[in-house]
Amino acid sequence: MTHQEPGRSGARAEERPSKLHDDGGSMLPERAADDTDQGWGEPAGGNDAWLLEQRPPHWD
């Protein structure tokens, strides 16, 4: 026997429309503060150019 809350039609959560307004923006930051270069104790700017230079030729 399943339990239903009063006023619920039995629809699963993914089938019910969301009551939150989706304006396209995220409520959460893209990255946590600890996952930034400064959070890891590294200088800002990154090393993307160096990593692309070191990419093995068989990855292309």
PDB file of N, CA and C in Angstrom:
ATOM      1  N   MET A   1       0.848  -1.176   0.000  1.00  0.00           N
ATOM      2  CA  MET A   1       0.000   0.000   0.000  1.00  0.00           C
ATOM      3  C   MET A   1       0.890   1.233   0.000  1.00  0.00           C
ATOM      4  N   THR A   2       0.603   2.180  -0.885  1.00  0.00           N
ATOM      5  CA  THR A   2       1.411   3.391  -0.954  1.00  0.00           C
ATOM      6  C   THR A   2       0.716   4.516  -0.238  1.00  0.00           C
ATOM      7  N   HIS A   3       1.517   5.419   0.271  1.00  0.00           N
ATOM      8  CA  HIS A   3       0.989   6.568   1.001  1.00  0.00           C
ATOM      9  C   HIS A   3       1.041   7.794   0.099  1.00  0.00           C
ATOM     10  N   GLN A   4      -0.076   8.511  -0.025  1.00  0.00           N
ATOM     11  CA  GLN A   4      -0.107   9.749  -0.792  1.00  0.00           C
ATOM     12  C   GLN A   4      -0.486  10.888   0.126  1.00  0.00           C
ATOM     13  N   GLU A   5       0.133  12.036  -0.129  1.00  0.00           N
ATOM     14  CA  GLU A   5      -0.217  13.214   0.637  1.00  0.00           C
ATOM     15  C   GLU A   5      -1.559  13.741   0.131  1.00  0.00           C
ATOM     16  N   PRO A   6      -2.333  14.371   1.003  1.00  0.00           N
ATOM     17  CA  PRO A   6      -3.611  14.932   0.565  1.00  0.00           C
ATOM     18  C   PRO A   6      -3.394  15.975  -0.529  1.00  0.00           C
ATOM     19  N   GLY A   7      -4.233  15.959  -1.551  1.00  0.00           N
ATOM     20  CA  GLY A   7      -4.142  16.923  -2.632  1.00  0.00           C
ATOM     21  C   GLY A   7      -3.144  16.559  -3.710  1.00  0.00           C
ATOM     22  N   ARG A   8      -2.491  15.444  -3.600  1.00  0.00           N
ATOM     23  CA  ARG A   8      -1.505  15.011  -4.603  1.00  0.00           C
ATOM     24  C   ARG A   8      -2.178  14.051  -5.569  1.00  0.00           C
ATOM     25  N   SER A   9      -1.877  14.201  -6.834  1.00  0.00           N
ATOM     26  CA  SER A   9      -2.506  13.343  -7.836  1.00  0.00           C
ATOM     27  C   SER A   9      -1.743  12.046  -8.036  1.00  0.00           C
ATOM     28  N   GLY A  10      -0.607  11.905  -7.372  1.00  0.00           N
ATOM     29  CA  GLY A  10       0.181  10.703  -7.542  1.00  0.00           C
ATOM     30  C   GLY A  10       1.240  10.838  -8.624  1.00  0.00           C
ATOM     31  N   ALA A  11       1.360  11.998  -9.236  1.00  0.00           N
ATOM     32  CA  ALA A  11       2.366  12.208 -10.274  1.00  0.00           C
ATOM     33  C   ALA A  11       3.749  12.190  -9.635  1.00  0.00           C
ATOM     34  N   ARG A  12       4.688  11.620 -10.362  1.00  0.00           N
ATOM     35  CA  ARG A  12       6.052  11.574  -9.857  1.00  0.00           C
ATOM     36  C   ARG A  12       6.661  12.960  -9.939  1.00  0.00           C
ATOM     37  N   ALA A  13       7.717  13.208  -9.154  1.00  0.00           N
ATOM     38  CA  ALA A  13       8.328  14.534  -9.057  1.00  0.00           C
ATOM     39  C   ALA A  13       8.794  15.046 -10.409  1.00  0.00           C
ATOM     40  N   GLU A  14       9.397  14.208 -11.246  1.00  0.00           N
ATOM     41  CA  GLU A  14       9.911  14.671 -12.527  1.00  0.00           C
ATOM     42  C   GLU A  14       8.807  14.995 -13.523  1.00  0.00           C
ATOM     43  N   GLU A  15       7.585  14.580 -13.252  1.00  0.00           N
ATOM     44  CA  GLU A  15       6.474  14.854 -14.145  1.00  0.00           C
ATOM     45  C   GLU A  15       5.722  16.122 -13.755  1.00  0.00           C
ATOM     46  N   ARG A  16       5.941  16.595 -12.530  1.00  0.00           N
ATOM     47  CA  ARG A  16       5.233  17.784 -12.066  1.00  0.00           C
ATOM     48  C   ARG A  16       5.973  19.040 -12.513  1.00  0.00           C
ATOM     49  N   PRO A  17       5.257  20.085 -12.901  1.00  0.00           N
ATOM     50  CA  PRO A  17       5.930  21.325 -13.275  1.00  0.00           C
ATOM     51  C   PRO A  17       6.575  21.976 -12.057  1.00  0.00           C
ATOM     52  N   SER A  18       7.678  22.637 -12.293  1.00  0.00           N
ATOM     53  CA  SER A  18       8.395  23.299 -11.216  1.00  0.00           C
ATOM     54  C   SER A  18       7.701  24.603 -10.861  1.00  0.00           C
ATOM     55  N   LYS A  19       7.686  24.931  -9.582  1.00  0.00           N
ATOM     56  CA  LYS A  19       7.104  26.189  -9.143  1.00  0.00           C
ATOM     57  C   LYS A  19       8.153  27.302  -9.098  1.00  0.00           C
ATOM     58  N   LEU A  20       9.416  26.964  -9.338  1.00  0.00           N
ATOM     59  CA  LEU A  20      10.472  27.964  -9.325  1.00  0.00           C
ATOM     60  C   LEU A  20      10.528  28.664 -10.674  1.00  0.00           C
ATOM     61  N   HIS A  21      10.822  29.940 -10.646  1.00  0.00           N
ATOM     62  CA  HIS A  21      10.968  30.699 -11.884  1.00  0.00           C
ATOM     63  C   HIS A  21      12.362  30.469 -12.423  1.00  0.00           C
ATOM     64  N   ASP A  22      12.469  29.996 -13.654  1.00  0.00           N
ATOM     65  CA  ASP A  22      13.769  29.740 -14.266  1.00  0.00           C
ATOM     66  C   ASP A  22      14.088  30.885 -15.206  1.00  0.00           C
ATOM     67  N   ASP A  23      14.976  31.782 -14.767  1.00  0.00           N
ATOM     68  CA  ASP A  23      15.344  32.914 -15.608  1.00  0.00           C
ATOM     69  C   ASP A  23      16.625  32.641 -16.382  1.00  0.00           C
ATOM     70  N   GLY A  24      17.077  31.398 -16.397  1.00  0.00           N
ATOM     71  CA  GLY A  24      18.280  31.042 -17.128  1.00  0.00           C
ATOM     72  C   GLY A  24      19.545  31.170 -16.305  1.00  0.00           C
ATOM     73  N   GLY A  25      19.493  31.873 -15.193  1.00  0.00           N
ATOM     74  CA  GLY A  25      20.662  32.046 -14.340  1.00  0.00           C
ATOM     75  C   GLY A  25      20.751  30.932 -13.318  1.00  0.00           C
ATOM     76  N   SER A  26      21.930  30.714 -12.832  1.00  0.00           N
ATOM     77  CA  SER A  26      22.127  29.671 -11.835  1.00  0.00           C
ATOM     78  C   SER A  26      22.066  30.272 -10.445  1.00  0.00           C
ATOM     79  N   MET A  27      21.467  29.548  -9.534  1.00  0.00           N
ATOM     80  CA  MET A  27      21.418  30.000  -8.149  1.00  0.00           C
ATOM     81  C   MET A  27      22.717  29.683  -7.432  1.00  0.00           C
ATOM     82  N   LEU A  28      23.478  28.745  -7.958  1.00  0.00           N
ATOM     83  CA  LEU A  28      24.727  28.349  -7.342  1.00  0.00           C
ATOM     84  C   LEU A  28      25.893  28.869  -8.157  1.00  0.00           C
ATOM     85  N   PRO A  29      27.004  29.177  -7.501  1.00  0.00           N
ATOM     86  CA  PRO A  29      28.170  29.600  -8.268  1.00  0.00           C
ATOM     87  C   PRO A  29      28.673  28.464  -9.146  1.00  0.00           C
ATOM     88  N   GLU A  30      29.331  28.803 -10.239  1.00  0.00           N
ATOM     89  CA  GLU A  30      29.835  27.787 -11.154  1.00  0.00           C
ATOM     90  C   GLU A  30      30.916  26.932 -10.495  1.00  0.00           C
ATOM     91  N   ARG A  31      31.728  27.552  -9.646  1.00  0.00           N
ATOM     92  CA  ARG A  31      32.789  26.826  -8.944  1.00  0.00           C
ATOM     93  C   ARG A  31      32.782  27.224  -7.469  1.00  0.00           C
ATOM     94  N   ALA A  32      33.126  26.300  -6.627  1.00  0.00           N
ATOM     95  CA  ALA A  32      33.268  26.600  -5.213  1.00  0.00           C
ATOM     96  C   ALA A  32      34.537  27.421  -5.003  1.00  0.00           C
ATOM     97  N   ALA A  33      34.560  28.236  -3.978  1.00  0.00           N
ATOM     98  CA  ALA A  33      35.723  29.080  -3.701  1.00  0.00           C
ATOM     99  C   ALA A  33      36.978  28.240  -3.490  1.00  0.00           C
ATOM    100  N   ASP A  34      36.826  27.051  -2.927  1.00  0.00           N
ATOM    101  CA  ASP A  34      37.986  26.181  -2.692  1.00  0.00           C
ATOM    102  C   ASP A  34      38.511  25.548  -3.977  1.00  0.00           C
ATOM    103  N   ASP A  35      37.746  25.613  -5.048  1.00  0.00           N
ATOM    104  CA  ASP A  35      38.146  24.984  -6.300  1.00  0.00           C
ATOM    105  C   ASP A  35      38.708  25.998  -7.302  1.00  0.00           C
ATOM    106  N   THR A  36      39.060  27.166  -6.835  1.00  0.00           N
ATOM    107  CA  THR A  36      39.677  28.170  -7.698  1.00  0.00           C
ATOM    108  C   THR A  36      41.189  28.084  -7.552  1.00  0.00           C
ATOM    109  N   ASP A  37      41.905  28.786  -8.434  1.00  0.00           N
ATOM    110  CA  ASP A  37      43.364  28.804  -8.338  1.00  0.00           C
ATOM    111  C   ASP A  37      43.809  29.314  -6.976  1.00  0.00           C
ATOM    112  N   GLN A  38      43.177  30.385  -6.505  1.00  0.00           N
ATOM    113  CA  GLN A  38      43.547  30.935  -5.208  1.00  0.00           C
ATOM    114  C   GLN A  38      43.218  29.964  -4.080  1.00  0.00           C
ATOM    115  N   GLY A  39      42.140  29.220  -4.211  1.00  0.00           N
ATOM    116  CA  GLY A  39      41.773  28.237  -3.195  1.00  0.00           C
ATOM    117  C   GLY A  39      42.797  27.118  -3.084  1.00  0.00           C
ATOM    118  N   TRP A  40      43.469  26.820  -4.190  1.00  0.00           N
ATOM    119  CA  TRP A  40      44.512  25.787  -4.197  1.00  0.00           C
ATOM    120  C   TRP A  40      45.887  26.373  -3.880  1.00  0.00           C
ATOM    121  N   GLY A  41      45.952  27.703  -3.661  1.00  0.00           N
ATOM    122  CA  GLY A  41      47.220  28.330  -3.346  1.00  0.00           C
ATOM    123  C   GLY A  41      48.080  28.588  -4.568  1.00  0.00           C
ATOM    124  N   GLU A  42      47.470  28.665  -5.747  1.00  0.00           N
ATOM    125  CA  GLU A  42      48.194  28.902  -6.990  1.00  0.00           C
ATOM    126  C   GLU A  42      47.950  30.323  -7.461  1.00  0.00           C
ATOM    127  N   PRO A  43      48.861  30.874  -8.253  1.00  0.00           N
ATOM    128  CA  PRO A  43      48.636  32.222  -8.770  1.00  0.00           C
ATOM    129  C   PRO A  43      47.472  32.230  -9.762  1.00  0.00           C
ATOM    130  N   ALA A  44      46.803  33.378  -9.858  1.00  0.00           N
ATOM    131  CA  ALA A  44      45.679  33.511 -10.788  1.00  0.00           C
ATOM    132  C   ALA A  44      46.193  33.477 -12.222  1.00  0.00           C
ATOM    133  N   GLY A  45      45.356  33.065 -13.134  1.00  0.00           N
ATOM    134  CA  GLY A  45      45.731  33.073 -14.537  1.00  0.00           C
ATOM    135  C   GLY A  45      45.774  31.688 -15.134  1.00  0.00           C
ATOM    136  N   GLY A  46      46.146  30.709 -14.375  1.00  0.00           N
ATOM    137  CA  GLY A  46      46.148  29.339 -14.862  1.00  0.00           C
ATOM    138  C   GLY A  46      47.299  29.041 -15.805  1.00  0.00           C
ATOM    139  N   ASN A  47      47.298  27.842 -16.309  1.00  0.00           N
ATOM    140  CA  ASN A  47      48.359  27.375 -17.200  1.00  0.00           C
ATOM    141  C   ASN A  47      47.763  26.674 -18.415  1.00  0.00           C
ATOM    142  N   ASP A  48      46.622  27.171 -18.885  1.00  0.00           N
ATOM    143  CA  ASP A  48      45.939  26.532 -20.009  1.00  0.00           C
ATOM    144  C   ASP A  48      46.803  26.496 -21.267  1.00  0.00           C
ATOM    145  N   ALA A  49      47.517  27.585 -21.554  1.00  0.00           N
ATOM    146  CA  ALA A  49      48.357  27.621 -22.757  1.00  0.00           C
ATOM    147  C   ALA A  49      49.432  26.545 -22.684  1.00  0.00           C
ATOM    148  N   TRP A  50      50.064  26.411 -21.534  1.00  0.00           N
ATOM    149  CA  TRP A  50      51.110  25.395 -21.376  1.00  0.00           C
ATOM    150  C   TRP A  50      50.524  23.988 -21.532  1.00  0.00           C
ATOM    151  N   LEU A  51      49.352  23.767 -20.947  1.00  0.00           N
ATOM    152  CA  LEU A  51      48.724  22.453 -21.066  1.00  0.00           C
ATOM    153  C   LEU A  51      48.386  22.117 -22.511  1.00  0.00           C
ATOM    154  N   LEU A  52      47.916  23.105 -23.273  1.00  0.00           N
ATOM    155  CA  LEU A  52      47.609  22.856 -24.685  1.00  0.00           C
ATOM    156  C   LEU A  52      48.881  22.561 -25.476  1.00  0.00           C
ATOM    157  N   GLU A  53      49.993  23.215 -25.130  1.00  0.00           N
ATOM    158  CA  GLU A  53      51.268  22.930 -25.799  1.00  0.00           C
ATOM    159  C   GLU A  53      51.746  21.511 -25.513  1.00  0.00           C
ATOM    160  N   GLN A  54      51.455  20.990 -24.343  1.00  0.00           N
ATOM    161  CA  GLN A  54      51.915  19.672 -23.923  1.00  0.00           C
ATOM    162  C   GLN A  54      50.976  18.552 -24.366  1.00  0.00           C
ATOM    163  N   ARG A  55      49.908  18.898 -25.049  1.00  0.00           N
ATOM    164  CA  ARG A  55      48.921  17.902 -25.482  1.00  0.00           C
ATOM    165  C   ARG A  55      49.562  16.908 -26.459  1.00  0.00           C
ATOM    166  N   PRO A  56      49.399  15.618 -26.214  1.00  0.00           N
ATOM    167  CA  PRO A  56      49.978  14.609 -27.102  1.00  0.00           C
ATOM    168  C   PRO A  56      49.388  14.689 -28.507  1.00  0.00           C
ATOM    169  N   PRO A  57      50.176  14.429 -29.526  1.00  0.00           N
ATOM    170  CA  PRO A  57      49.690  14.538 -30.909  1.00  0.00           C
ATOM    171  C   PRO A  57      48.561  13.550 -31.220  1.00  0.00           C
ATOM    172  N   HIS A  58      48.510  12.420 -30.541  1.00  0.00           N
ATOM    173  CA  HIS A  58      47.456  11.445 -30.842  1.00  0.00           C
ATOM    174  C   HIS A  58      46.098  11.858 -30.302  1.00  0.00           C
ATOM    175  N   TRP A  59      46.005  12.950 -29.537  1.00  0.00           N
ATOM    176  CA  TRP A  59      44.719  13.450 -29.052  1.00  0.00           C
ATOM    177  C   TRP A  59      44.001  14.297 -30.085  1.00  0.00           C
ATOM    178  N   ASP A  60      44.696  14.728 -31.122  1.00  0.00           N
ATOM    179  CA  ASP A  60      44.080  15.590 -32.151  1.00  0.00           C
ATOM    180  C   ASP A  60      43.283  14.789 -33.138  1.00  0.00           C
TER     181      ASP A  60
END
